[in-house]
């Protein structure tokens, strides 16, 4: 919901991003956002709709339920495609379980700690490779960006708790991914070339860290 920086929608702050009131975004901004969403669906026919910015207002304010319903119906009736939507529809957001097709879990890649529980729902853990932005970050350096070793830990942890891992990259305006971001991901790929059978097609643990502390087995010995 926050991707459209529209200077003509006042009031606005840095780079034209609208200022939100306690009641949520301005009506004009929401209308502009909805127009661009339908334009995206019409011209791109995406397989996945990944919503974000949901904490700013309710799903009624954003109109996300209608957008998602139209997305499902259009994909089924016109595209003959199977599609997915994450769970960030709008407030309230108590982990948003049961909304969308899967649960989205936010984390910090470099400081990852596996969760206490094994998630019964289909879930995806998301982490940002850049230190300060989900977009292009000119201040990213090898010293403040996670390296390949830092990425192995969250990958193994997410798979072991019944989740998938999404690593956020911020390309430049021309689409180029800077070397400081490329190398960690390519390094993780090299690790998977050797250890991939421990990731792909495997089962999650039987119990999480909470059960481990209670003295229960954490590995599936079957």
C-alpha atoms as a PDB file:
ATOM      1  CA  UNK A   1       0.000   0.000   0.000  1.00  0.00           C
ATOM      2  CA  UNK A   2       2.950   2.367   0.439  1.00  0.00           C
ATOM      3  CA  UNK A   3       4.643   1.962  -2.937  1.00  0.00           C
ATOM      4  CA  UNK A   4       2.974   4.820  -4.769  1.00  0.00           C
ATOM      5  CA  UNK A   5       4.690   8.128  -4.022  1.00  0.00           C
ATOM      6  CA  UNK A   6       2.295  10.712  -5.399  1.00  0.00           C
ATOM      7  CA  UNK A   7       3.372  14.370  -4.989  1.00  0.00           C
ATOM      8  CA  UNK A   8       0.001  15.718  -6.117  1.00  0.00           C
ATOM      9  CA  UNK A   9      -1.747  14.072  -3.142  1.00  0.00           C
ATOM     10  CA  UNK A  10      -1.360  16.569  -0.279  1.00  0.00           C
ATOM     11  CA  UNK A  11      -0.195  16.694   2.392  1.00  0.00           C
ATOM     12  CA  UNK A  12       3.005  14.919   1.453  1.00  0.00           C
ATOM     13  CA  UNK A  13       6.461  14.535   2.929  1.00  0.00           C
ATOM     14  CA  UNK A  14       9.794  13.223   1.665  1.00  0.00           C
ATOM     15  CA  UNK A  15       9.604  12.005  -1.963  1.00  0.00           C
ATOM     16  CA  UNK A  16       5.893  12.752  -2.110  1.00  0.00           C
ATOM     17  CA  UNK A  17       4.836  10.045   0.336  1.00  0.00           C
ATOM     18  CA  UNK A  18       1.433  10.998   1.806  1.00  0.00           C
ATOM     19  CA  UNK A  19       1.222  11.886   5.483  1.00  0.00           C
ATOM     20  CA  UNK A  20      -1.192   9.622   7.317  1.00  0.00           C
ATOM     21  CA  UNK A  21      -3.708  10.828   9.852  1.00  0.00           C
ATOM     22  CA  UNK A  22      -4.915   8.813  12.825  1.00  0.00           C
ATOM     23  CA  UNK A  23      -7.771   7.626  10.612  1.00  0.00           C
ATOM     24  CA  UNK A  24      -5.451   6.286   7.930  1.00  0.00           C
ATOM     25  CA  UNK A  25      -4.418   7.480   4.471  1.00  0.00           C
ATOM     26  CA  UNK A  26      -6.187  10.244   2.604  1.00  0.00           C
ATOM     27  CA  UNK A  27      -9.103   9.154   0.382  1.00  0.00           C
ATOM     28  CA  UNK A  28      -7.357  10.551  -2.702  1.00  0.00           C
ATOM     29  CA  UNK A  29      -4.287   8.420  -2.016  1.00  0.00           C
ATOM     30  CA  UNK A  30      -6.359   5.261  -1.553  1.00  0.00           C
ATOM     31  CA  UNK A  31      -8.185   5.905  -4.823  1.00  0.00           C
ATOM     32  CA  UNK A  32      -4.883   6.428  -6.629  1.00  0.00           C
ATOM     33  CA  UNK A  33      -3.528   3.215  -5.080  1.00  0.00           C
ATOM     34  CA  UNK A  34      -6.599   1.184  -6.072  1.00  0.00           C
ATOM     35  CA  UNK A  35      -6.380   2.483  -9.644  1.00  0.00           C
ATOM     36  CA  UNK A  36      -2.746   1.430  -9.891  1.00  0.00           C
ATOM     37  CA  UNK A  37      -3.491  -1.970  -8.346  1.00  0.00           C
ATOM     38  CA  UNK A  38      -6.129  -2.739 -10.980  1.00  0.00           C
ATOM     39  CA  UNK A  39      -3.784  -1.474 -13.689  1.00  0.00           C
ATOM     40  CA  UNK A  40      -1.120  -3.855 -12.375  1.00  0.00           C
ATOM     41  CA  UNK A  41      -3.527  -6.806 -12.384  1.00  0.00           C
ATOM     42  CA  UNK A  42      -4.782  -6.033 -15.889  1.00  0.00           C
ATOM     43  CA  UNK A  43      -1.398  -5.634 -17.549  1.00  0.00           C
ATOM     44  CA  UNK A  44       0.863  -7.939 -15.526  1.00  0.00           C
ATOM     45  CA  UNK A  45      -1.405 -10.842 -14.495  1.00  0.00           C
ATOM     46  CA  UNK A  46       0.802 -11.600 -11.472  1.00  0.00           C
ATOM     47  CA  UNK A  47       0.919 -15.083  -9.953  1.00  0.00           C
ATOM     48  CA  UNK A  48       1.347 -13.587  -6.477  1.00  0.00           C
ATOM     49  CA  UNK A  49      -0.127 -10.490  -4.852  1.00  0.00           C
ATOM     50  CA  UNK A  50       2.148  -9.483  -1.944  1.00  0.00           C
ATOM     51  CA  UNK A  51       0.494  -6.731   0.091  1.00  0.00           C
ATOM     52  CA  UNK A  52       2.255  -4.536   2.662  1.00  0.00           C
ATOM     53  CA  UNK A  53       1.594  -1.330   4.581  1.00  0.00           C
ATOM     54  CA  UNK A  54      -1.479  -2.905   6.131  1.00  0.00           C
ATOM     55  CA  UNK A  55      -0.862  -1.382   9.585  1.00  0.00           C
ATOM     56  CA  UNK A  56      -1.838   2.097   8.384  1.00  0.00           C
ATOM     57  CA  UNK A  57      -5.593   1.458   8.130  1.00  0.00           C
ATOM     58  CA  UNK A  58      -8.318  -1.171   8.082  1.00  0.00           C
ATOM     59  CA  UNK A  59      -9.016  -3.507   5.184  1.00  0.00           C
ATOM     60  CA  UNK A  60     -12.279  -1.564   4.724  1.00  0.00           C
ATOM     61  CA  UNK A  61     -10.371   1.702   4.231  1.00  0.00           C
ATOM     62  CA  UNK A  62      -7.988   0.128   1.753  1.00  0.00           C
ATOM     63  CA  UNK A  63     -10.672  -1.947   0.034  1.00  0.00           C
ATOM     64  CA  UNK A  64      -8.318  -4.904  -0.061  1.00  0.00           C
ATOM     65  CA  UNK A  65     -10.986  -7.589   0.276  1.00  0.00           C
ATOM     66  CA  UNK A  66     -12.663  -6.386  -2.913  1.00  0.00           C
ATOM     67  CA  UNK A  67      -9.333  -6.178  -4.740  1.00  0.00           C
ATOM     68  CA  UNK A  68      -8.350  -9.698  -3.666  1.00  0.00           C
ATOM     69  CA  UNK A  69     -11.777 -11.088  -4.599  1.00  0.00           C
ATOM     70  CA  UNK A  70     -11.519  -9.517  -8.065  1.00  0.00           C
ATOM     71  CA  UNK A  71      -7.970 -10.913  -8.370  1.00  0.00           C
ATOM     72  CA  UNK A  72      -9.104 -14.454  -7.532  1.00  0.00           C
ATOM     73  CA  UNK A  73     -12.136 -14.293  -9.828  1.00  0.00           C
ATOM     74  CA  UNK A  74     -10.234 -12.803 -12.755  1.00  0.00           C
ATOM     75  CA  UNK A  75      -7.412 -15.327 -12.437  1.00  0.00           C
ATOM     76  CA  UNK A  76      -9.922 -18.180 -12.394  1.00  0.00           C
ATOM     77  CA  UNK A  77     -12.329 -16.984 -15.074  1.00  0.00           C
ATOM     78  CA  UNK A  78     -10.091 -15.097 -17.517  1.00  0.00           C
ATOM     79  CA  UNK A  79      -6.484 -16.176 -16.971  1.00  0.00           C
ATOM     80  CA  UNK A  80      -7.092 -19.832 -16.082  1.00  0.00           C
ATOM     81  CA  UNK A  81      -4.321 -19.436 -13.494  1.00  0.00           C
ATOM     82  CA  UNK A  82      -3.717 -20.419  -9.892  1.00  0.00           C
ATOM     83  CA  UNK A  83      -2.705 -17.403  -7.798  1.00  0.00           C
ATOM     84  CA  UNK A  84      -1.690 -16.582  -4.225  1.00  0.00           C
ATOM     85  CA  UNK A  85      -2.148 -13.654  -1.839  1.00  0.00           C
ATOM     86  CA  UNK A  86      -0.290 -13.025   1.416  1.00  0.00           C
ATOM     87  CA  UNK A  87      -2.090 -12.042   4.628  1.00  0.00           C
ATOM     88  CA  UNK A  88      -1.485  -8.281   4.908  1.00  0.00           C
ATOM     89  CA  UNK A  89      -4.969  -6.993   4.121  1.00  0.00           C
ATOM     90  CA  UNK A  90      -5.173  -4.218   6.735  1.00  0.00           C
ATOM     91  CA  UNK A  91      -5.811  -3.720  10.429  1.00  0.00           C
ATOM     92  CA  UNK A  92      -6.205  -5.518  12.742  1.00  0.00           C
ATOM     93  CA  UNK A  93      -2.994  -7.479  12.279  1.00  0.00           C
ATOM     94  CA  UNK A  94      -2.642 -10.078  15.087  1.00  0.00           C
ATOM     95  CA  UNK A  95      -0.335 -12.189  12.892  1.00  0.00           C
ATOM     96  CA  UNK A  96      -3.318 -12.201  10.505  1.00  0.00           C
ATOM     97  CA  UNK A  97      -3.724 -15.959  10.700  1.00  0.00           C
ATOM     98  CA  UNK A  98      -6.430 -17.290   8.467  1.00  0.00           C
ATOM     99  CA  UNK A  99      -6.241 -14.350   6.049  1.00  0.00           C
ATOM    100  CA  UNK A 100      -4.978 -14.734   2.523  1.00  0.00           C
ATOM    101  CA  UNK A 101      -3.234 -17.914   1.424  1.00  0.00           C
ATOM    102  CA  UNK A 102      -0.306 -17.797   3.820  1.00  0.00           C
ATOM    103  CA  UNK A 103       1.074 -16.020   6.874  1.00  0.00           C
ATOM    104  CA  UNK A 104       3.881 -13.460   6.491  1.00  0.00           C
ATOM    105  CA  UNK A 105       6.508 -13.342   9.256  1.00  0.00           C
ATOM    106  CA  UNK A 106       9.001 -10.462   9.447  1.00  0.00           C
ATOM    107  CA  UNK A 107      12.560 -10.956  10.733  1.00  0.00           C
ATOM    108  CA  UNK A 108      16.083  -9.518  10.708  1.00  0.00           C
ATOM    109  CA  UNK A 109      18.386 -11.730   8.650  1.00  0.00           C
ATOM    110  CA  UNK A 110      21.642 -10.960  10.460  1.00  0.00           C
ATOM    111  CA  UNK A 111      20.126 -11.434  13.941  1.00  0.00           C
ATOM    112  CA  UNK A 112      17.830 -14.349  13.167  1.00  0.00           C
ATOM    113  CA  UNK A 113      16.577 -16.582  15.943  1.00  0.00           C
ATOM    114  CA  UNK A 114      14.257 -19.493  15.104  1.00  0.00           C
ATOM    115  CA  UNK A 115      10.725 -19.179  16.485  1.00  0.00           C
ATOM    116  CA  UNK A 116       9.547 -21.246  19.423  1.00  0.00           C
ATOM    117  CA  UNK A 117       6.787 -22.952  17.499  1.00  0.00           C
ATOM    118  CA  UNK A 118       6.271 -25.054  14.391  1.00  0.00           C
ATOM    119  CA  UNK A 119       3.760 -23.196  12.235  1.00  0.00           C
ATOM    120  CA  UNK A 120       0.741 -25.233  11.239  1.00  0.00           C
ATOM    121  CA  UNK A 121      -0.263 -22.644   8.642  1.00  0.00           C
ATOM    122  CA  UNK A 122       1.576 -22.133   5.401  1.00  0.00           C
ATOM    123  CA  UNK A 123       3.974 -19.299   6.179  1.00  0.00           C
ATOM    124  CA  UNK A 124       6.814 -17.255   4.731  1.00  0.00           C
ATOM    125  CA  UNK A 125       9.593 -15.555   6.695  1.00  0.00           C
ATOM    126  CA  UNK A 126      10.770 -12.323   5.073  1.00  0.00           C
ATOM    127  CA  UNK A 127      14.024 -10.484   5.702  1.00  0.00           C
ATOM    128  CA  UNK A 128      15.665  -7.456   4.108  1.00  0.00           C
ATOM    129  CA  UNK A 129      19.238  -7.720   2.825  1.00  0.00           C
ATOM    130  CA  UNK A 130      19.806  -3.942   2.878  1.00  0.00           C
ATOM    131  CA  UNK A 131      20.444  -2.382   6.297  1.00  0.00           C
ATOM    132  CA  UNK A 132      18.034   0.562   6.031  1.00  0.00           C
ATOM    133  CA  UNK A 133      15.632   0.069   3.155  1.00  0.00           C
ATOM    134  CA  UNK A 134      13.590  -2.487   1.248  1.00  0.00           C
ATOM    135  CA  UNK A 135      14.485  -0.551  -1.872  1.00  0.00           C
ATOM    136  CA  UNK A 136      17.816   0.654  -3.235  1.00  0.00           C
ATOM    137  CA  UNK A 137      20.170   1.627  -0.380  1.00  0.00           C
ATOM    138  CA  UNK A 138      23.274   3.590  -1.383  1.00  0.00           C
ATOM    139  CA  UNK A 139      24.690   3.092   2.130  1.00  0.00           C
ATOM    140  CA  UNK A 140      24.814  -0.703   1.852  1.00  0.00           C
ATOM    141  CA  UNK A 141      28.363  -2.060   2.250  1.00  0.00           C
ATOM    142  CA  UNK A 142      29.876  -5.532   2.799  1.00  0.00           C
ATOM    143  CA  UNK A 143      30.282  -4.523   6.448  1.00  0.00           C
ATOM    144  CA  UNK A 144      26.578  -3.875   7.098  1.00  0.00           C
ATOM    145  CA  UNK A 145      24.968  -6.385   4.721  1.00  0.00           C
ATOM    146  CA  UNK A 146      24.546 -10.046   5.787  1.00  0.00           C
ATOM    147  CA  UNK A 147      26.960 -12.397   4.006  1.00  0.00           C
ATOM    148  CA  UNK A 148      26.211 -15.907   2.738  1.00  0.00           C
ATOM    149  CA  UNK A 149      26.982 -17.459   6.130  1.00  0.00           C
ATOM    150  CA  UNK A 150      24.464 -15.101   7.730  1.00  0.00           C
ATOM    151  CA  UNK A 151      21.810 -16.290   5.256  1.00  0.00           C
ATOM    152  CA  UNK A 152      22.289 -20.012   5.901  1.00  0.00           C
ATOM    153  CA  UNK A 153      21.025 -19.753   9.488  1.00  0.00           C
ATOM    154  CA  UNK A 154      17.633 -18.148   8.673  1.00  0.00           C
ATOM    155  CA  UNK A 155      17.192 -20.458   5.674  1.00  0.00           C
ATOM    156  CA  UNK A 156      17.653 -23.588   7.784  1.00  0.00           C
ATOM    157  CA  UNK A 157      15.565 -22.123  10.602  1.00  0.00           C
ATOM    158  CA  UNK A 158      12.603 -21.215   8.409  1.00  0.00           C
ATOM    159  CA  UNK A 159      12.561 -24.576   6.650  1.00  0.00           C
ATOM    160  CA  UNK A 160      12.772 -26.413   9.979  1.00  0.00           C
ATOM    161  CA  UNK A 161       9.705 -24.544  11.293  1.00  0.00           C
ATOM    162  CA  UNK A 162       7.523 -25.168   8.217  1.00  0.00           C
ATOM    163  CA  UNK A 163       8.119 -21.862   6.423  1.00  0.00           C
ATOM    164  CA  UNK A 164       9.737 -20.616   3.256  1.00  0.00           C
ATOM    165  CA  UNK A 165      12.281 -17.773   3.114  1.00  0.00           C
ATOM    166  CA  UNK A 166      11.963 -14.537   1.135  1.00  0.00           C
ATOM    167  CA  UNK A 167      15.096 -12.361   0.950  1.00  0.00           C
ATOM    168  CA  UNK A 168      14.415  -8.740  -0.002  1.00  0.00           C
ATOM    169  CA  UNK A 169      16.780  -7.138  -2.535  1.00  0.00           C
ATOM    170  CA  UNK A 170      16.802  -3.485  -3.585  1.00  0.00           C
ATOM    171  CA  UNK A 171      17.803  -2.999  -7.233  1.00  0.00           C
ATOM    172  CA  UNK A 172      18.894   0.331  -8.665  1.00  0.00           C
ATOM    173  CA  UNK A 173      16.553   2.358 -10.845  1.00  0.00           C
ATOM    174  CA  UNK A 174      17.934   0.611 -13.961  1.00  0.00           C
ATOM    175  CA  UNK A 175      17.191  -2.831 -12.485  1.00  0.00           C
ATOM    176  CA  UNK A 176      20.810  -3.687 -11.654  1.00  0.00           C
ATOM    177  CA  UNK A 177      21.394  -5.496  -8.344  1.00  0.00           C
ATOM    178  CA  UNK A 178      24.568  -4.183  -6.766  1.00  0.00           C
ATOM    179  CA  UNK A 179      27.473  -6.523  -6.100  1.00  0.00           C
ATOM    180  CA  UNK A 180      27.112  -5.990  -2.348  1.00  0.00           C
ATOM    181  CA  UNK A 181      23.689  -7.681  -2.601  1.00  0.00           C
ATOM    182  CA  UNK A 182      24.458 -10.184  -5.347  1.00  0.00           C
ATOM    183  CA  UNK A 183      27.360 -11.916  -3.660  1.00  0.00           C
ATOM    184  CA  UNK A 184      25.561 -13.015  -0.456  1.00  0.00           C
ATOM    185  CA  UNK A 185      22.692 -14.517  -2.458  1.00  0.00           C
ATOM    186  CA  UNK A 186      25.014 -16.215  -4.946  1.00  0.00           C
ATOM    187  CA  UNK A 187      27.009 -17.549  -1.994  1.00  0.00           C
ATOM    188  CA  UNK A 188      23.835 -19.015  -0.528  1.00  0.00           C
ATOM    189  CA  UNK A 189      23.195 -20.622  -3.908  1.00  0.00           C
ATOM    190  CA  UNK A 190      26.642 -22.226  -3.822  1.00  0.00           C
ATOM    191  CA  UNK A 191      25.876 -23.570  -0.348  1.00  0.00           C
ATOM    192  CA  UNK A 192      22.623 -25.059  -1.662  1.00  0.00           C
ATOM    193  CA  UNK A 193      24.461 -26.768  -4.519  1.00  0.00           C
ATOM    194  CA  UNK A 194      26.263 -28.819  -1.874  1.00  0.00           C
ATOM    195  CA  UNK A 195      23.622 -29.030   0.853  1.00  0.00           C
ATOM    196  CA  UNK A 196      20.378 -28.673  -1.077  1.00  0.00           C
ATOM    197  CA  UNK A 197      19.105 -32.139  -0.217  1.00  0.00           C
ATOM    198  CA  UNK A 198      18.914 -30.989   3.426  1.00  0.00           C
ATOM    199  CA  UNK A 199      16.503 -28.218   2.356  1.00  0.00           C
ATOM    200  CA  UNK A 200      14.450 -29.222  -0.671  1.00  0.00           C
ATOM    201  CA  UNK A 201      11.746 -31.827  -0.148  1.00  0.00           C
ATOM    202  CA  UNK A 202      12.474 -32.184   3.576  1.00  0.00           C
ATOM    203  CA  UNK A 203      10.046 -32.177   6.504  1.00  0.00           C
ATOM    204  CA  UNK A 204       9.981 -29.660   9.297  1.00  0.00           C
ATOM    205  CA  UNK A 205      10.932 -30.531  12.879  1.00  0.00           C
ATOM    206  CA  UNK A 206       8.337 -32.209  15.092  1.00  0.00           C
ATOM    207  CA  UNK A 207       8.715 -29.558  17.809  1.00  0.00           C
ATOM    208  CA  UNK A 208      10.039 -26.036  18.175  1.00  0.00           C
ATOM    209  CA  UNK A 209      12.390 -24.476  20.705  1.00  0.00           C
ATOM    210  CA  UNK A 210       9.671 -24.202  23.337  1.00  0.00           C
ATOM    211  CA  UNK A 211       9.224 -27.989  23.347  1.00  0.00           C
ATOM    212  CA  UNK A 212      12.973 -28.475  23.235  1.00  0.00           C
ATOM    213  CA  UNK A 213      13.274 -26.593  26.512  1.00  0.00           C
ATOM    214  CA  UNK A 214      10.650 -28.903  27.980  1.00  0.00           C
ATOM    215  CA  UNK A 215      12.838 -31.875  27.178  1.00  0.00           C
ATOM    216  CA  UNK A 216      10.874 -33.111  24.194  1.00  0.00           C
ATOM    217  CA  UNK A 217      12.661 -34.380  21.044  1.00  0.00           C
ATOM    218  CA  UNK A 218      13.007 -31.785  18.305  1.00  0.00           C
ATOM    219  CA  UNK A 219      13.966 -33.991  15.351  1.00  0.00           C
ATOM    220  CA  UNK A 220      11.718 -36.286  13.397  1.00  0.00           C
ATOM    221  CA  UNK A 221      13.554 -39.583  13.642  1.00  0.00           C
ATOM    222  CA  UNK A 222      11.153 -41.228  11.195  1.00  0.00           C
END
